[in-house]
Amino acid sequence: MPSKSKTSGDSRQRLWFTTNWSLNLNTTLLLALLPGILALVVTTYISFERERAAAYQDLLSRVRSMSQLMDEQLLHVQNGLELIATASNEIDEHNLKNFYGILQESQRELTSTNGLILFETNGNMLLSTLSSFGTPLPVSSSVERLQRVARTGQPQIG
């Protein structure tokens, strides 16, 4: 029996040594790969953040550019409307046909507008470049806006 227990002890010792060596090999391999994996994760995160920041800056630049373009177009339309307002003597003389011609010419210049409409302060539509001269026109539903234009003298776009 003593020889059997010694063999049994030797095999346990060999098993422990094999398991211990295997554990050390796995631990060593993991410790060797861990810095590379960590560097890969950090590099990927930094790259993602840079791409996100670049995309945000690109979007912001495009929005600013579009905003500037819209401001320029609105200013162009406002200047055109103010120029039309200088021809208001045609209205004072009740010469709506001549004023309609001025509106049509202005409409060709103001390419960013769909139509030009002349209202009375009570909401009656007098002229519209969307229909021919003399066509019966509807009444506006935004009388407050028309009265604000008449009161302030500032053009309204909308």
Protein backbone atom coordinates (compact mmCIF):
# COMPACT_ATOMS: atom_id res chain seq x y z
CA MET A 1 0.00 0.00 0.00
CA PRO A 2 2.68 2.43 0.68
CA SER A 3 3.73 2.26 -2.95
CA LYS A 4 0.18 2.83 -4.08
CA SER A 5 -0.23 5.92 -1.95
CA LYS A 6 3.08 7.26 -3.24
CA THR A 7 1.91 6.78 -6.81
CA SER A 8 -1.33 8.40 -5.97
CA GLY A 9 0.51 11.34 -4.40
CA ASP A 10 2.81 11.62 -7.41
CA SER A 11 -0.11 11.75 -9.77
CA ARG A 12 -1.79 14.46 -7.66
CA GLN A 13 1.44 16.37 -7.62
CA ARG A 14 1.78 16.01 -11.39
CA LEU A 15 -1.87 17.02 -11.85
CA TRP A 16 -1.36 20.08 -9.67
CA PHE A 17 1.82 20.95 -11.55
CA THR A 18 0.09 20.54 -14.93
CA THR A 19 -2.92 22.58 -13.84
CA ASN A 20 -0.67 25.18 -12.26
CA TRP A 21 1.47 25.40 -15.40
CA SER A 22 -1.66 25.63 -17.59
CA LEU A 23 -3.06 28.36 -15.35
CA ASN A 24 0.19 30.26 -15.53
CA LEU A 25 0.29 29.94 -19.31
CA ASN A 26 -3.30 31.22 -19.69
CA THR A 27 -2.66 34.06 -17.26
CA THR A 28 0.55 35.01 -19.05
CA LEU A 29 -1.19 34.91 -22.43
CA LEU A 30 -4.07 37.04 -21.13
CA LEU A 31 -1.69 39.53 -19.57
CA ALA A 32 0.27 39.72 -22.83
CA LEU A 33 -2.88 40.39 -24.92
CA LEU A 34 -4.63 42.73 -22.48
CA PRO A 35 -2.61 45.90 -23.29
CA GLY A 36 -3.22 45.38 -27.02
CA ILE A 37 -6.94 44.87 -26.50
CA LEU A 38 -7.10 47.91 -24.23
CA ALA A 39 -5.19 50.01 -26.78
CA LEU A 40 -7.57 48.86 -29.52
CA VAL A 41 -10.64 49.83 -27.47
CA VAL A 42 -9.20 53.25 -26.56
CA THR A 43 -8.12 53.95 -30.16
CA THR A 44 -11.55 52.96 -31.47
CA TYR A 45 -13.28 55.24 -28.95
CA ILE A 46 -11.01 58.20 -29.77
CA SER A 47 -11.55 57.65 -33.50
CA PHE A 48 -15.32 57.51 -32.98
CA GLU A 49 -15.29 60.74 -30.97
CA ARG A 50 -13.21 62.52 -33.63
CA GLU A 51 -15.57 61.36 -36.39
CA ARG A 52 -18.58 62.48 -34.36
CA ALA A 53 -17.03 65.89 -33.70
CA ALA A 54 -16.15 66.28 -37.40
CA ALA A 55 -19.69 65.33 -38.44
CA TYR A 56 -21.13 67.82 -35.95
CA GLN A 57 -18.87 70.62 -37.26
CA ASP A 58 -19.84 69.75 -40.85
CA LEU A 59 -23.53 69.85 -39.95
CA LEU A 60 -23.11 73.14 -38.11
CA SER A 61 -21.30 74.62 -41.11
CA ARG A 62 -24.08 73.52 -43.47
CA VAL A 63 -26.80 74.94 -41.22
CA ARG A 64 -24.99 78.27 -40.99
CA SER A 65 -24.56 78.35 -44.76
CA MET A 66 -28.25 77.59 -45.36
CA SER A 67 -29.25 80.18 -42.77
CA GLN A 68 -27.13 82.80 -44.49
CA LEU A 69 -28.64 81.88 -47.86
CA MET A 70 -32.17 82.18 -46.45
CA ASP A 71 -31.32 85.56 -44.89
CA GLU A 72 -30.02 86.79 -48.25
CA GLN A 73 -33.14 85.59 -50.05
CA LEU A 74 -35.46 87.18 -47.48
CA LEU A 75 -33.53 90.45 -47.68
CA HIS A 76 -33.78 90.33 -51.49
CA VAL A 77 -37.55 89.81 -51.27
CA GLN A 78 -37.93 92.54 -48.66
CA ASN A 79 -35.97 94.99 -50.81
CA GLY A 80 -38.14 94.05 -53.78
CA LEU A 81 -41.30 94.64 -51.76
CA GLU A 82 -40.01 98.00 -50.58
CA LEU A 83 -39.27 98.92 -54.20
CA ILE A 84 -42.82 97.96 -55.15
CA ALA A 85 -44.10 100.15 -52.31
CA THR A 86 -42.43 103.17 -53.95
CA ALA A 87 -44.77 102.67 -56.93
CA SER A 88 -47.78 103.10 -54.64
CA ASN A 89 -48.75 106.32 -56.46
CA GLU A 90 -50.36 104.01 -59.04
CA ILE A 91 -52.64 102.75 -56.28
CA ASP A 92 -53.35 106.25 -55.02
CA GLU A 93 -54.47 107.16 -58.54
CA HIS A 94 -56.61 103.98 -58.62
CA ASN A 95 -54.57 102.70 -61.56
CA LEU A 96 -54.59 99.05 -60.50
CA LYS A 97 -53.86 97.73 -63.99
CA ASN A 98 -50.48 99.57 -64.10
CA PHE A 99 -49.69 98.43 -60.55
CA TYR A 100 -50.56 94.86 -61.56
CA GLY A 101 -47.96 95.18 -64.36
CA ILE A 102 -45.38 96.38 -61.80
CA LEU A 103 -46.21 93.36 -59.61
CA GLN A 104 -45.76 90.98 -62.54
CA GLU A 105 -42.36 92.49 -63.43
CA SER A 106 -41.30 92.30 -59.79
CA GLN A 107 -42.47 88.70 -59.60
CA ARG A 108 -40.09 87.79 -62.42
CA GLU A 109 -37.20 89.38 -60.48
CA LEU A 110 -38.16 87.84 -57.14
CA THR A 111 -37.66 84.22 -58.16
CA SER A 112 -37.88 82.91 -54.60
CA THR A 113 -41.52 84.01 -54.25
CA ASN A 114 -44.56 82.13 -55.46
CA GLY A 115 -46.71 85.18 -55.92
CA LEU A 116 -47.26 88.80 -54.95
CA ILE A 117 -50.60 89.87 -53.54
CA LEU A 118 -51.98 93.32 -52.72
CA PHE A 119 -54.54 93.48 -49.92
CA GLU A 120 -56.71 96.18 -48.44
CA THR A 121 -56.50 96.51 -44.64
CA ASN A 122 -59.96 94.94 -44.29
CA GLY A 123 -58.67 91.72 -45.91
CA ASN A 124 -60.00 92.21 -49.45
CA MET A 125 -57.51 91.00 -52.02
CA LEU A 126 -57.06 93.62 -54.74
CA LEU A 127 -54.38 92.08 -56.97
CA SER A 128 -52.53 88.78 -57.22
CA THR A 129 -49.84 87.67 -59.62
CA LEU A 130 -51.21 84.14 -59.15
CA SER A 131 -54.29 85.05 -61.20
CA SER A 132 -54.95 87.32 -64.14
CA PHE A 133 -56.02 90.95 -63.74
CA GLY A 134 -59.73 91.41 -63.14
CA THR A 135 -60.34 87.91 -61.76
CA PRO A 136 -62.52 87.95 -58.61
CA LEU A 137 -60.26 87.34 -55.59
CA PRO A 138 -61.02 85.94 -52.11
CA VAL A 139 -60.83 87.75 -48.77
CA SER A 140 -57.80 87.15 -46.51
CA SER A 141 -58.19 85.35 -43.21
CA SER A 142 -55.24 87.20 -41.61
CA VAL A 143 -56.72 90.65 -41.17
CA GLU A 144 -54.64 91.31 -38.02
CA ARG A 145 -51.43 90.82 -39.99
CA LEU A 146 -52.62 93.20 -42.72
CA GLN A 147 -53.54 95.82 -40.13
CA ARG A 148 -50.09 95.41 -38.51
CA VAL A 149 -48.47 96.05 -41.91
CA ALA A 150 -50.57 99.17 -42.39
CA ARG A 151 -49.83 100.37 -38.83
CA THR A 152 -46.03 99.69 -38.79
CA GLY A 153 -45.24 100.19 -42.46
CA GLN A 154 -43.08 97.05 -42.34
CA PRO A 155 -43.52 94.43 -45.06
CA GLN A 156 -44.64 90.92 -44.12
CA ILE A 157 -43.36 87.78 -45.74
CA GLY A 158 -45.37 84.65 -45.26
